[in-house]
Amino acid sequence: MVEILAVSVLVDATVVRLLLVPAVMTLLGRHAWWTPAWLGRLLPHLGVEGTDVDRAARDTDLG
């Protein structure tokens, strides 16, 4: 029974997560990252490298 579980985990990790998901994401291209407009308005806009924070600081006149 443990062998079956080990094989299923191995198949899931290699076939599904390392082959199928990247292939589907590549085929979908930009559409893989599509978000509905109503959901985009609800989600926060995060700048990974801090560019949004820098832009907001420049746009607001604090000095």
PDB file of N, CA and C in Angstrom:
ATOM      1  N   MET A   1       0.822  -1.203   0.000  1.00  0.00           N
ATOM      2  CA  MET A   1       0.000   0.000   0.000  1.00  0.00           C
ATOM      3  C   MET A   1       0.866   1.267   0.000  1.00  0.00           C
ATOM      4  N   VAL A   2       1.967   1.242   0.746  1.00  0.00           N
ATOM      5  CA  VAL A   2       2.856   2.393   0.809  1.00  0.00           C
ATOM      6  C   VAL A   2       3.523   2.619  -0.545  1.00  0.00           C
ATOM      7  N   GLU A   3       3.817   1.532  -1.258  1.00  0.00           N
ATOM      8  CA  GLU A   3       4.442   1.661  -2.572  1.00  0.00           C
ATOM      9  C   GLU A   3       3.532   2.372  -3.553  1.00  0.00           C
ATOM     10  N   ILE A   4       2.253   2.070  -3.490  1.00  0.00           N
ATOM     11  CA  ILE A   4       1.280   2.710  -4.380  1.00  0.00           C
ATOM     12  C   ILE A   4       1.208   4.212  -4.089  1.00  0.00           C
ATOM     13  N   LEU A   5       1.212   4.568  -2.819  1.00  0.00           N
ATOM     14  CA  LEU A   5       1.189   5.975  -2.443  1.00  0.00           C
ATOM     15  C   LEU A   5       2.463   6.681  -2.905  1.00  0.00           C
ATOM     16  N   ALA A   6       3.591   6.025  -2.748  1.00  0.00           N
ATOM     17  CA  ALA A   6       4.860   6.618  -3.171  1.00  0.00           C
ATOM     18  C   ALA A   6       4.898   6.836  -4.679  1.00  0.00           C
ATOM     19  N   VAL A   7       4.401   5.876  -5.428  1.00  0.00           N
ATOM     20  CA  VAL A   7       4.366   6.015  -6.888  1.00  0.00           C
ATOM     21  C   VAL A   7       3.403   7.125  -7.290  1.00  0.00           C
ATOM     22  N   SER A   8       2.272   7.218  -6.631  1.00  0.00           N
ATOM     23  CA  SER A   8       1.313   8.266  -6.984  1.00  0.00           C
ATOM     24  C   SER A   8       1.857   9.655  -6.664  1.00  0.00           C
ATOM     25  N   VAL A   9       2.588   9.788  -5.567  1.00  0.00           N
ATOM     26  CA  VAL A   9       3.201  11.075  -5.234  1.00  0.00           C
ATOM     27  C   VAL A   9       4.284  11.414  -6.260  1.00  0.00           C
ATOM     28  N   LEU A  10       5.069  10.434  -6.645  1.00  0.00           N
ATOM     29  CA  LEU A  10       6.112  10.651  -7.649  1.00  0.00           C
ATOM     30  C   LEU A  10       5.514  11.054  -8.991  1.00  0.00           C
ATOM     31  N   VAL A  11       4.444  10.390  -9.401  1.00  0.00           N
ATOM     32  CA  VAL A  11       3.784  10.730 -10.663  1.00  0.00           C
ATOM     33  C   VAL A  11       3.189  12.131 -10.586  1.00  0.00           C
ATOM     34  N   ASP A  12       2.572  12.463  -9.458  1.00  0.00           N
ATOM     35  CA  ASP A  12       1.996  13.792  -9.300  1.00  0.00           C
ATOM     36  C   ASP A  12       3.077  14.857  -9.359  1.00  0.00           C
ATOM     37  N   ALA A  13       4.167  14.614  -8.675  1.00  0.00           N
ATOM     38  CA  ALA A  13       5.230  15.620  -8.618  1.00  0.00           C
ATOM     39  C   ALA A  13       5.918  15.800  -9.961  1.00  0.00           C
ATOM     40  N   THR A  14       6.145  14.716 -10.685  1.00  0.00           N
ATOM     41  CA  THR A  14       6.891  14.847 -11.935  1.00  0.00           C
ATOM     42  C   THR A  14       5.991  15.156 -13.114  1.00  0.00           C
ATOM     43  N   VAL A  15       4.978  14.371 -13.311  1.00  0.00           N
ATOM     44  CA  VAL A  15       4.155  14.529 -14.514  1.00  0.00           C
ATOM     45  C   VAL A  15       3.269  15.756 -14.426  1.00  0.00           C
ATOM     46  N   VAL A  16       2.538  15.887 -13.348  1.00  0.00           N
ATOM     47  CA  VAL A  16       1.565  16.975 -13.258  1.00  0.00           C
ATOM     48  C   VAL A  16       2.255  18.307 -12.994  1.00  0.00           C
ATOM     49  N   ARG A  17       3.056  18.383 -11.949  1.00  0.00           N
ATOM     50  CA  ARG A  17       3.603  19.674 -11.525  1.00  0.00           C
ATOM     51  C   ARG A  17       4.811  20.130 -12.328  1.00  0.00           C
ATOM     52  N   LEU A  18       5.577  19.203 -12.872  1.00  0.00           N
ATOM     53  CA  LEU A  18       6.768  19.607 -13.617  1.00  0.00           C
ATOM     54  C   LEU A  18       6.575  19.597 -15.125  1.00  0.00           C
ATOM     55  N   LEU A  19       5.563  18.894 -15.627  1.00  0.00           N
ATOM     56  CA  LEU A  19       5.362  18.814 -17.078  1.00  0.00           C
ATOM     57  C   LEU A  19       4.055  19.454 -17.527  1.00  0.00           C
ATOM     58  N   LEU A  20       2.947  19.032 -16.951  1.00  0.00           N
ATOM     59  CA  LEU A  20       1.644  19.503 -17.442  1.00  0.00           C
ATOM     60  C   LEU A  20       1.371  20.967 -17.111  1.00  0.00           C
ATOM     61  N   VAL A  21       1.598  21.368 -15.883  1.00  0.00           N
ATOM     62  CA  VAL A  21       1.273  22.750 -15.497  1.00  0.00           C
ATOM     63  C   VAL A  21       2.110  23.765 -16.279  1.00  0.00           C
ATOM     64  N   PRO A  22       3.438  23.624 -16.367  1.00  0.00           N
ATOM     65  CA  PRO A  22       4.182  24.597 -17.183  1.00  0.00           C
ATOM     66  C   PRO A  22       3.800  24.568 -18.663  1.00  0.00           C
ATOM     67  N   ALA A  23       3.483  23.389 -19.195  1.00  0.00           N
ATOM     68  CA  ALA A  23       3.092  23.305 -20.602  1.00  0.00           C
ATOM     69  C   ALA A  23       1.776  24.037 -20.843  1.00  0.00           C
ATOM     70  N   VAL A  24       0.811  23.857 -19.971  1.00  0.00           N
ATOM     71  CA  VAL A  24      -0.482  24.538 -20.121  1.00  0.00           C
ATOM     72  C   VAL A  24      -0.306  26.040 -19.943  1.00  0.00           C
ATOM     73  N   MET A  25       0.517  26.461 -18.984  1.00  0.00           N
ATOM     74  CA  MET A  25       0.751  27.891 -18.787  1.00  0.00           C
ATOM     75  C   MET A  25       1.420  28.511 -20.021  1.00  0.00           C
ATOM     76  N   THR A  26       2.323  27.779 -20.647  1.00  0.00           N
ATOM     77  CA  THR A  26       2.972  28.271 -21.858  1.00  0.00           C
ATOM     78  C   THR A  26       1.982  28.368 -23.004  1.00  0.00           C
ATOM     79  N   LEU A  27       1.131  27.377 -23.146  1.00  0.00           N
ATOM     80  CA  LEU A  27       0.143  27.404 -24.219  1.00  0.00           C
ATOM     81  C   LEU A  27      -0.870  28.526 -24.041  1.00  0.00           C
ATOM     82  N   LEU A  28      -1.253  28.796 -22.806  1.00  0.00           N
ATOM     83  CA  LEU A  28      -2.242  29.841 -22.556  1.00  0.00           C
ATOM     84  C   LEU A  28      -1.650  31.240 -22.673  1.00  0.00           C
ATOM     85  N   GLY A  29      -0.360  31.381 -22.411  1.00  0.00           N
ATOM     86  CA  GLY A  29       0.293  32.688 -22.538  1.00  0.00           C
ATOM     87  C   GLY A  29      -0.281  33.709 -21.583  1.00  0.00           C
ATOM     88  N   ARG A  30      -0.639  34.890 -22.101  1.00  0.00           N
ATOM     89  CA  ARG A  30      -1.203  35.960 -21.258  1.00  0.00           C
ATOM     90  C   ARG A  30      -2.518  35.563 -20.622  1.00  0.00           C
ATOM     91  N   HIS A  31      -3.261  34.701 -21.296  1.00  0.00           N
ATOM     92  CA  HIS A  31      -4.579  34.328 -20.783  1.00  0.00           C
ATOM     93  C   HIS A  31      -4.493  33.482 -19.523  1.00  0.00           C
ATOM     94  N   ALA A  32      -3.337  32.919 -19.236  1.00  0.00           N
ATOM     95  CA  ALA A  32      -3.168  32.144 -18.011  1.00  0.00           C
ATOM     96  C   ALA A  32      -3.210  33.051 -16.788  1.00  0.00           C
ATOM     97  N   TRP A  33      -2.902  34.341 -16.969  1.00  0.00           N
ATOM     98  CA  TRP A  33      -2.846  35.278 -15.855  1.00  0.00           C
ATOM     99  C   TRP A  33      -4.020  36.254 -15.870  1.00  0.00           C
ATOM    100  N   TRP A  34      -5.059  35.946 -16.611  1.00  0.00           N
ATOM    101  CA  TRP A  34      -6.226  36.818 -16.722  1.00  0.00           C
ATOM    102  C   TRP A  34      -7.008  36.852 -15.417  1.00  0.00           C
ATOM    103  N   THR A  35      -7.423  38.040 -15.008  1.00  0.00           N
ATOM    104  CA  THR A  35      -8.244  38.228 -13.816  1.00  0.00           C
ATOM    105  C   THR A  35      -9.476  39.021 -14.211  1.00  0.00           C
ATOM    106  N   PRO A  36     -10.668  38.604 -13.782  1.00  0.00           N
ATOM    107  CA  PRO A  36     -11.868  39.388 -14.084  1.00  0.00           C
ATOM    108  C   PRO A  36     -11.754  40.804 -13.496  1.00  0.00           C
ATOM    109  N   ALA A  37     -12.385  41.766 -14.163  1.00  0.00           N
ATOM    110  CA  ALA A  37     -12.270  43.167 -13.753  1.00  0.00           C
ATOM    111  C   ALA A  37     -12.796  43.382 -12.332  1.00  0.00           C
ATOM    112  N   TRP A  38     -13.913  42.747 -11.989  1.00  0.00           N
ATOM    113  CA  TRP A  38     -14.481  42.947 -10.657  1.00  0.00           C
ATOM    114  C   TRP A  38     -13.554  42.392  -9.576  1.00  0.00           C
ATOM    115  N   LEU A  39     -12.854  41.308  -9.878  1.00  0.00           N
ATOM    116  CA  LEU A  39     -11.925  40.741  -8.907  1.00  0.00           C
ATOM    117  C   LEU A  39     -10.653  41.583  -8.828  1.00  0.00           C
ATOM    118  N   GLY A  40     -10.225  42.139  -9.958  1.00  0.00           N
ATOM    119  CA  GLY A  40      -9.053  43.009  -9.970  1.00  0.00           C
ATOM    120  C   GLY A  40      -9.246  44.259  -9.136  1.00  0.00           C
ATOM    121  N   ARG A  41     -10.484  44.755  -9.076  1.00  0.00           N
ATOM    122  CA  ARG A  41     -10.766  45.925  -8.246  1.00  0.00           C
ATOM    123  C   ARG A  41     -10.739  45.582  -6.766  1.00  0.00           C
ATOM    124  N   LEU A  42     -11.072  44.341  -6.409  1.00  0.00           N
ATOM    125  CA  LEU A  42     -11.110  43.937  -5.002  1.00  0.00           C
ATOM    126  C   LEU A  42      -9.738  43.550  -4.458  1.00  0.00           C
ATOM    127  N   LEU A  43      -8.876  43.013  -5.309  1.00  0.00           N
ATOM    128  CA  LEU A  43      -7.570  42.543  -4.855  1.00  0.00           C
ATOM    129  C   LEU A  43      -6.604  43.712  -4.703  1.00  0.00           C
ATOM    130  N   PRO A  44      -5.711  43.638  -3.740  1.00  0.00           N
ATOM    131  CA  PRO A  44      -4.718  44.713  -3.598  1.00  0.00           C
ATOM    132  C   PRO A  44      -3.683  44.636  -4.714  1.00  0.00           C
ATOM    133  N   HIS A  45      -3.159  45.773  -5.099  1.00  0.00           N
ATOM    134  CA  HIS A  45      -2.123  45.847  -6.125  1.00  0.00           C
ATOM    135  C   HIS A  45      -0.779  45.940  -5.416  1.00  0.00           C
ATOM    136  N   LEU A  46      -0.002  44.876  -5.497  1.00  0.00           N
ATOM    137  CA  LEU A  46       1.262  44.804  -4.791  1.00  0.00           C
ATOM    138  C   LEU A  46       2.420  44.962  -5.769  1.00  0.00           C
ATOM    139  N   GLY A  47       3.368  45.782  -5.421  1.00  0.00           N
ATOM    140  CA  GLY A  47       4.582  45.922  -6.208  1.00  0.00           C
ATOM    141  C   GLY A  47       5.671  45.054  -5.601  1.00  0.00           C
ATOM    142  N   VAL A  48       6.130  44.073  -6.326  1.00  0.00           N
ATOM    143  CA  VAL A  48       7.096  43.128  -5.787  1.00  0.00           C
ATOM    144  C   VAL A  48       8.425  43.795  -5.509  1.00  0.00           C
ATOM    145  N   GLU A  49       8.858  44.688  -6.375  1.00  0.00           N
ATOM    146  CA  GLU A  49      10.156  45.321  -6.213  1.00  0.00           C
ATOM    147  C   GLU A  49      10.052  46.733  -5.656  1.00  0.00           C
ATOM    148  N   GLY A  50       8.906  47.116  -5.197  1.00  0.00           N
ATOM    149  CA  GLY A  50       8.748  48.425  -4.593  1.00  0.00           C
ATOM    150  C   GLY A  50       8.515  49.548  -5.570  1.00  0.00           C
ATOM    151  N   THR A  51       8.306  49.254  -6.843  1.00  0.00           N
ATOM    152  CA  THR A  51       8.115  50.315  -7.829  1.00  0.00           C
ATOM    153  C   THR A  51       6.816  51.063  -7.607  1.00  0.00           C
ATOM    154  N   ASP A  52       5.774  50.371  -7.158  1.00  0.00           N
ATOM    155  CA  ASP A  52       4.498  51.047  -6.901  1.00  0.00           C
ATOM    156  C   ASP A  52       4.622  52.012  -5.729  1.00  0.00           C
ATOM    157  N   VAL A  53       5.394  51.646  -4.719  1.00  0.00           N
ATOM    158  CA  VAL A  53       5.587  52.516  -3.563  1.00  0.00           C
ATOM    159  C   VAL A  53       6.366  53.754  -3.969  1.00  0.00           C
ATOM    160  N   ASP A  54       7.394  53.569  -4.788  1.00  0.00           N
ATOM    161  CA  ASP A  54       8.172  54.709  -5.263  1.00  0.00           C
ATOM    162  C   ASP A  54       7.316  55.647  -6.093  1.00  0.00           C
ATOM    163  N   ARG A  55       6.483  55.105  -6.957  1.00  0.00           N
ATOM    164  CA  ARG A  55       5.620  55.918  -7.797  1.00  0.00           C
ATOM    165  C   ARG A  55       4.601  56.675  -6.931  1.00  0.00           C
ATOM    166  N   ALA A  56       4.040  56.030  -5.929  1.00  0.00           N
ATOM    167  CA  ALA A  56       3.071  56.690  -5.049  1.00  0.00           C
ATOM    168  C   ALA A  56       3.741  57.801  -4.249  1.00  0.00           C
ATOM    169  N   ALA A  57       4.986  57.598  -3.828  1.00  0.00           N
ATOM    170  CA  ALA A  57       5.697  58.626  -3.077  1.00  0.00           C
ATOM    171  C   ALA A  57       6.003  59.823  -3.956  1.00  0.00           C
ATOM    172  N   ARG A  58       6.330  59.591  -5.228  1.00  0.00           N
ATOM    173  CA  ARG A  58       6.590  60.690  -6.157  1.00  0.00           C
ATOM    174  C   ARG A  58       5.315  61.454  -6.482  1.00  0.00           C
ATOM    175  N   ASP A  59       4.200  60.714  -6.613  1.00  0.00           N
ATOM    176  CA  ASP A  59       2.944  61.372  -6.991  1.00  0.00           C
ATOM    177  C   ASP A  59       2.358  62.220  -5.878  1.00  0.00           C
ATOM    178  N   THR A  60       2.582  61.831  -4.630  1.00  0.00           N
ATOM    179  CA  THR A  60       2.073  62.631  -3.507  1.00  0.00           C
ATOM    180  C   THR A  60       3.150  63.643  -3.118  1.00  0.00           C
ATOM    181  N   ASP A  61       2.741  64.870  -2.962  1.00  0.00           N
ATOM    182  CA  ASP A  61       3.688  65.936  -2.615  1.00  0.00           C
ATOM    183  C   ASP A  61       3.720  66.059  -1.098  1.00  0.00           C
ATOM    184  N   LEU A  62       4.731  65.422  -0.489  1.00  0.00           N
ATOM    185  CA  LEU A  62       4.845  65.441   0.963  1.00  0.00           C
ATOM    186  C   LEU A  62       5.763  66.556   1.468  1.00  0.00           C
ATOM    187  N   GLY A  63       6.499  67.180   0.594  1.00  0.00           N
ATOM    188  CA  GLY A  63       7.478  68.163   1.060  1.00  0.00           C
ATOM    189  C   GLY A  63       7.135  69.480   0.593  1.00  0.00           C
TER     190      GLY A  63
END
